[in-house]
């Protein structure tokens, strides 16, 4: 029997609506405490590239991240955590299908789903492949999840138990006119070697997190510094002038605009002995008469 080898890694063509971007700021690398955390709107700053040869096709895996300057106002280190968007909701009920009692699943009420994600629950099978994580007392159960294998609208029906007068609630699939969605999960069936070991799929009123599995979470570190290579090059290789009369030292950018100005002067003692040579930053007190083009002309 031949055994084929298949690749499983593919570039993601995820929609920005399915991405969540968390920004964490720290002024230095030594900072261990959380300074600030904020969520950025991925739909406005993350844009996919389209294939130039096939303009209607997204160039999978390649995205343009436009960072708003208003969010990066302080010097330091910004860590961007890009992860699948999280849908926080709760389990309305855990049950089985009336026609197929062996099929177990969880029921989600659309009223408990955030408005931005309701459309995913309203389309049958749209949630197939999504991951379900569970919370206990507002804390996520670590390293435990289930995968959604089907999602359809459903409605509850009352059925009689076998050999008893008791009744139970089961579910059946419907096309629409309901707020309930039945999600089957994997694994949800007992192993053949131990039929009473039913896998845990949740319990009624338990909070859950549903997220897509389109891509792996990734992090980007952005350093906001006062100077970069280009500004340092201005001080080393750019045009410079020094006014002999008033001691104003001026640095110019590649377009010969005034980049920075300093006052150069000497400090002497009462015996007129030179003690210090000083370069003082003029900050915003710029002498515009020291324009480079005016000086050399």
Protein backbone atom coordinates (compact mmCIF):
# COMPACT_ATOMS: atom_id res chain seq x y z
CA UNK A 1 0.00 0.00 0.00
CA UNK A 2 1.39 3.38 -0.99
CA UNK A 3 1.61 6.07 1.67
CA UNK A 4 1.47 9.64 0.35
CA UNK A 5 3.13 12.65 1.97
CA UNK A 6 1.04 15.81 2.11
CA UNK A 7 1.84 19.37 3.11
CA UNK A 8 -0.39 20.99 5.74
CA UNK A 9 1.00 24.54 5.84
CA UNK A 10 -0.73 27.10 3.62
CA UNK A 11 -0.70 30.91 3.58
CA UNK A 12 -3.72 32.37 5.32
CA UNK A 13 -6.27 34.48 3.44
CA UNK A 14 -8.16 35.45 6.57
CA UNK A 15 -10.48 38.47 6.59
CA UNK A 16 -9.48 41.40 8.87
CA UNK A 17 -12.82 40.94 10.67
CA UNK A 18 -11.51 37.58 11.92
CA UNK A 19 -8.34 39.08 13.42
CA UNK A 20 -7.90 40.59 16.87
CA UNK A 21 -4.92 42.89 17.56
CA UNK A 22 -3.84 43.49 21.15
CA UNK A 23 -1.23 46.20 21.80
CA UNK A 24 0.95 46.09 24.93
CA UNK A 25 3.28 48.99 25.82
CA UNK A 26 6.39 49.09 28.01
CA UNK A 27 8.83 52.02 28.25
CA UNK A 28 11.89 49.75 28.55
CA UNK A 29 12.81 46.12 28.02
CA UNK A 30 13.40 45.79 31.76
CA UNK A 31 9.77 46.62 32.52
CA UNK A 32 8.00 43.46 33.65
CA UNK A 33 4.73 44.93 34.93
CA UNK A 34 1.94 45.63 32.46
CA UNK A 35 1.92 49.36 31.68
CA UNK A 36 -0.96 49.53 29.23
CA UNK A 37 -2.96 47.19 27.03
CA UNK A 38 -5.34 48.15 24.25
CA UNK A 39 -7.18 46.48 21.40
CA UNK A 40 -6.80 47.98 17.94
CA UNK A 41 -9.45 47.79 15.23
CA UNK A 42 -8.07 45.27 12.74
CA UNK A 43 -10.68 46.20 10.11
CA UNK A 44 -9.19 49.70 9.77
CA UNK A 45 -5.45 49.02 10.03
CA UNK A 46 -5.10 45.55 8.45
CA UNK A 47 -5.59 45.27 4.69
CA UNK A 48 -4.93 42.23 2.48
CA UNK A 49 -2.96 42.48 -0.74
CA UNK A 50 -4.57 41.24 -3.94
CA UNK A 51 -2.80 39.28 -6.66
CA UNK A 52 -1.86 41.61 -9.54
CA UNK A 53 -2.40 38.81 -12.07
CA UNK A 54 -5.72 37.75 -10.55
CA UNK A 55 -7.11 40.99 -9.04
CA UNK A 56 -10.08 39.33 -7.36
CA UNK A 57 -7.90 36.88 -5.39
CA UNK A 58 -6.29 37.72 -2.06
CA UNK A 59 -2.52 37.17 -2.09
CA UNK A 60 -2.61 34.71 0.79
CA UNK A 61 -0.47 35.45 3.81
CA UNK A 62 0.53 39.00 2.75
CA UNK A 63 -1.12 41.90 4.59
CA UNK A 64 -0.47 45.60 5.00
CA UNK A 65 -0.47 46.77 8.62
CA UNK A 66 -0.98 50.54 8.86
CA UNK A 67 -0.26 51.68 12.39
CA UNK A 68 -1.97 54.92 13.50
CA UNK A 69 0.54 57.46 14.81
CA UNK A 70 -1.95 58.53 17.48
CA UNK A 71 -1.49 55.16 19.22
CA UNK A 72 2.32 55.33 19.35
CA UNK A 73 2.96 58.61 21.13
CA UNK A 74 5.47 57.50 23.77
CA UNK A 75 9.03 56.28 23.40
CA UNK A 76 9.44 52.63 24.24
CA UNK A 77 8.42 49.17 23.09
CA UNK A 78 5.04 48.19 21.68
CA UNK A 79 4.17 44.53 21.28
CA UNK A 80 1.36 43.73 18.83
CA UNK A 81 -0.30 40.38 19.41
CA UNK A 82 -2.27 39.24 16.35
CA UNK A 83 -4.60 36.35 17.10
CA UNK A 84 -7.89 34.92 15.80
CA UNK A 85 -10.85 37.03 16.89
CA UNK A 86 -12.51 35.68 20.02
CA UNK A 87 -16.29 35.26 20.29
CA UNK A 88 -17.27 35.23 23.95
CA UNK A 89 -20.65 33.69 24.68
CA UNK A 90 -22.15 30.98 26.89
CA UNK A 91 -23.67 27.52 26.51
CA UNK A 92 -27.45 27.65 26.59
CA UNK A 93 -27.78 23.89 26.94
CA UNK A 94 -26.04 20.58 26.31
CA UNK A 95 -28.17 17.99 24.56
CA UNK A 96 -28.65 15.39 21.87
CA UNK A 97 -30.57 15.23 18.62
CA UNK A 98 -34.00 13.67 18.74
CA UNK A 99 -33.46 11.65 15.57
CA UNK A 100 -29.88 10.71 16.47
CA UNK A 101 -29.56 10.26 20.26
CA UNK A 102 -25.89 9.37 19.92
CA UNK A 103 -25.07 12.81 18.50
CA UNK A 104 -24.22 15.16 21.37
CA UNK A 105 -23.61 18.88 21.16
CA UNK A 106 -23.94 22.28 22.77
CA UNK A 107 -26.70 24.79 22.08
CA UNK A 108 -25.93 28.51 21.77
CA UNK A 109 -28.58 31.24 21.88
CA UNK A 110 -27.97 34.02 19.35
CA UNK A 111 -29.08 36.56 21.95
CA UNK A 112 -25.90 35.73 23.87
CA UNK A 113 -23.63 36.28 20.85
CA UNK A 114 -22.00 39.72 20.26
CA UNK A 115 -23.64 41.58 17.37
CA UNK A 116 -20.37 41.71 15.36
CA UNK A 117 -20.32 37.90 15.13
CA UNK A 118 -24.00 36.95 14.84
CA UNK A 119 -23.70 36.52 11.08
CA UNK A 120 -21.33 33.58 11.55
CA UNK A 121 -23.91 31.73 13.64
CA UNK A 122 -26.74 32.55 11.22
CA UNK A 123 -25.06 30.75 8.30
CA UNK A 124 -25.24 26.94 8.55
CA UNK A 125 -21.82 25.26 8.77
CA UNK A 126 -20.04 28.63 8.97
CA UNK A 127 -18.44 27.68 12.30
CA UNK A 128 -17.00 24.33 11.18
CA UNK A 129 -13.35 24.17 12.22
CA UNK A 130 -13.68 26.81 14.94
CA UNK A 131 -12.18 26.14 18.36
CA UNK A 132 -14.19 26.16 21.61
CA UNK A 133 -12.43 26.94 24.90
CA UNK A 134 -14.07 26.83 28.30
CA UNK A 135 -14.08 29.14 31.33
CA UNK A 136 -14.62 28.19 34.96
CA UNK A 137 -15.23 31.06 37.39
CA UNK A 138 -14.02 33.57 34.76
CA UNK A 139 -10.75 31.66 34.31
CA UNK A 140 -10.00 29.81 31.09
CA UNK A 141 -9.37 26.10 31.42
CA UNK A 142 -5.73 25.79 30.30
CA UNK A 143 -4.78 23.66 27.30
CA UNK A 144 -8.29 22.31 26.77
CA UNK A 145 -10.48 22.84 23.74
CA UNK A 146 -12.92 21.22 21.34
CA UNK A 147 -13.33 21.65 17.56
CA UNK A 148 -16.72 22.42 16.01
CA UNK A 149 -17.71 19.85 13.37
CA UNK A 150 -21.17 21.18 12.40
CA UNK A 151 -23.51 24.09 13.16
CA UNK A 152 -27.23 24.25 12.31
CA UNK A 153 -30.34 25.99 13.56
CA UNK A 154 -32.34 23.88 15.98
CA UNK A 155 -35.39 23.91 18.18
CA UNK A 156 -36.17 22.01 21.39
CA UNK A 157 -38.77 19.25 21.45
CA UNK A 158 -40.15 17.27 24.36
CA UNK A 159 -39.77 13.48 24.14
CA UNK A 160 -40.94 10.66 26.40
CA UNK A 161 -38.33 8.57 28.14
CA UNK A 162 -38.38 4.83 27.49
CA UNK A 163 -40.14 2.80 30.24
CA UNK A 164 -40.93 5.90 32.34
CA UNK A 165 -43.42 8.71 32.55
CA UNK A 166 -40.66 11.35 32.62
CA UNK A 167 -40.04 13.66 29.69
CA UNK A 168 -36.79 15.12 28.39
CA UNK A 169 -35.71 17.97 26.10
CA UNK A 170 -34.03 17.04 22.86
CA UNK A 171 -33.33 19.01 19.71
CA UNK A 172 -34.04 18.79 16.02
CA UNK A 173 -32.66 20.71 13.09
CA UNK A 174 -34.75 23.47 11.49
CA UNK A 175 -34.06 25.89 8.65
CA UNK A 176 -34.79 29.21 10.36
CA UNK A 177 -37.16 31.13 12.68
CA UNK A 178 -35.15 30.23 15.77
CA UNK A 179 -32.40 31.78 17.89
CA UNK A 180 -30.82 28.46 18.83
CA UNK A 181 -27.81 26.91 17.09
CA UNK A 182 -26.76 23.30 17.69
CA UNK A 183 -22.98 22.78 17.56
CA UNK A 184 -21.46 19.32 17.39
CA UNK A 185 -17.91 18.99 18.68
CA UNK A 186 -14.96 16.68 18.33
CA UNK A 187 -14.21 14.66 20.29
CA UNK A 188 -17.67 14.08 21.76
CA UNK A 189 -18.08 10.30 21.57
CA UNK A 190 -16.70 7.73 23.95
CA UNK A 191 -13.74 5.58 22.88
CA UNK A 192 -14.66 2.07 21.76
CA UNK A 193 -12.51 0.52 24.49
CA UNK A 194 -14.37 2.39 27.26
CA UNK A 195 -17.89 3.32 26.29
CA UNK A 196 -18.75 5.08 29.56
CA UNK A 197 -15.88 7.60 29.30
CA UNK A 198 -17.85 10.44 27.70
CA UNK A 199 -15.63 13.41 26.72
CA UNK A 200 -16.47 16.72 28.35
CA UNK A 201 -18.08 19.21 25.95
CA UNK A 202 -19.37 21.76 28.47
CA UNK A 203 -22.31 22.36 30.75
CA UNK A 204 -25.33 24.70 30.63
CA UNK A 205 -24.62 28.39 31.38
CA UNK A 206 -20.87 27.83 31.15
CA UNK A 207 -18.97 30.69 29.48
CA UNK A 208 -16.99 29.76 26.38
CA UNK A 209 -14.66 31.37 23.86
CA UNK A 210 -15.13 30.49 20.18
CA UNK A 211 -12.35 31.44 17.77
CA UNK A 212 -11.34 30.58 14.22
CA UNK A 213 -8.32 28.45 13.32
CA UNK A 214 -7.40 30.23 10.10
CA UNK A 215 -3.92 31.22 11.25
CA UNK A 216 -1.51 30.88 14.13
CA UNK A 217 -1.17 33.80 16.57
CA UNK A 218 1.90 35.95 16.00
CA UNK A 219 3.63 38.87 17.72
CA UNK A 220 5.35 41.96 16.35
CA UNK A 221 7.63 44.21 18.40
CA UNK A 222 7.81 47.88 17.47
CA UNK A 223 10.35 50.23 19.06
CA UNK A 224 9.56 53.93 19.09
CA UNK A 225 12.85 55.81 19.46
CA UNK A 226 13.84 59.44 19.25
CA UNK A 227 16.45 58.72 16.58
CA UNK A 228 16.88 56.21 13.81
CA UNK A 229 19.66 55.57 11.27
CA UNK A 230 18.55 58.41 9.00
CA UNK A 231 18.46 61.04 11.77
CA UNK A 232 21.82 59.89 13.15
CA UNK A 233 23.26 60.21 9.64
CA UNK A 234 22.23 63.87 9.61
CA UNK A 235 24.62 64.59 12.47
CA UNK A 236 27.44 62.61 10.83
CA UNK A 237 27.13 63.32 7.12
CA UNK A 238 24.60 66.14 6.69
CA UNK A 239 25.32 69.78 5.90
CA UNK A 240 26.25 71.92 8.91
CA UNK A 241 26.98 75.59 9.61
CA UNK A 242 28.40 77.50 12.55
CA UNK A 243 27.74 81.21 12.98
CA UNK A 244 31.01 82.80 14.16
CA UNK A 245 29.27 85.91 15.46
CA UNK A 246 26.67 84.33 17.78
CA UNK A 247 27.91 80.73 17.97
CA UNK A 248 24.74 79.13 16.57
CA UNK A 249 25.51 75.63 15.29
CA UNK A 250 22.93 74.32 12.77
CA UNK A 251 22.33 70.84 11.34
CA UNK A 252 20.39 70.33 8.11
CA UNK A 253 18.43 67.37 6.76
CA UNK A 254 18.93 66.00 3.21
CA UNK A 255 16.56 68.68 1.85
CA UNK A 256 18.61 71.39 3.61
CA UNK A 257 15.83 72.14 6.08
CA UNK A 258 16.94 73.09 9.58
CA UNK A 259 16.89 69.90 11.61
CA UNK A 260 18.45 70.98 14.94
CA UNK A 261 20.24 74.04 16.33
CA UNK A 262 22.68 74.47 19.22
CA UNK A 263 24.40 77.33 21.01
CA UNK A 264 28.19 76.92 21.12
CA UNK A 265 30.02 78.91 23.80
CA UNK A 266 32.85 78.75 26.31
CA UNK A 267 32.77 78.94 30.10
CA UNK A 268 35.76 80.71 31.73
CA UNK A 269 36.67 81.54 35.31
CA UNK A 270 37.43 84.96 36.79
CA UNK A 271 40.99 84.69 35.50
CA UNK A 272 39.71 84.14 31.95
CA UNK A 273 40.91 80.56 31.97
CA UNK A 274 38.93 78.22 29.76
CA UNK A 275 36.95 75.72 31.82
CA UNK A 276 34.35 74.24 29.46
CA UNK A 277 33.27 74.22 25.86
CA UNK A 278 29.47 73.92 25.82
CA UNK A 279 26.97 72.86 23.22
CA UNK A 280 23.45 73.79 24.34
CA UNK A 281 20.32 72.56 22.53
CA UNK A 282 18.16 75.50 21.42
CA UNK A 283 15.08 73.21 21.31
CA UNK A 284 12.22 75.13 19.67
CA UNK A 285 14.06 78.46 19.67
CA UNK A 286 15.06 78.10 16.02
CA UNK A 287 16.84 80.94 14.24
CA UNK A 288 15.33 80.65 10.76
CA UNK A 289 17.78 83.24 9.40
CA UNK A 290 20.36 80.43 9.38
CA UNK A 291 18.73 78.89 6.30
CA UNK A 292 21.39 76.89 4.43
CA UNK A 293 20.56 78.20 0.96
CA UNK A 294 20.73 81.82 2.17
CA UNK A 295 24.11 81.23 3.78
CA UNK A 296 25.87 79.60 0.83
CA UNK A 297 24.41 82.05 -1.69
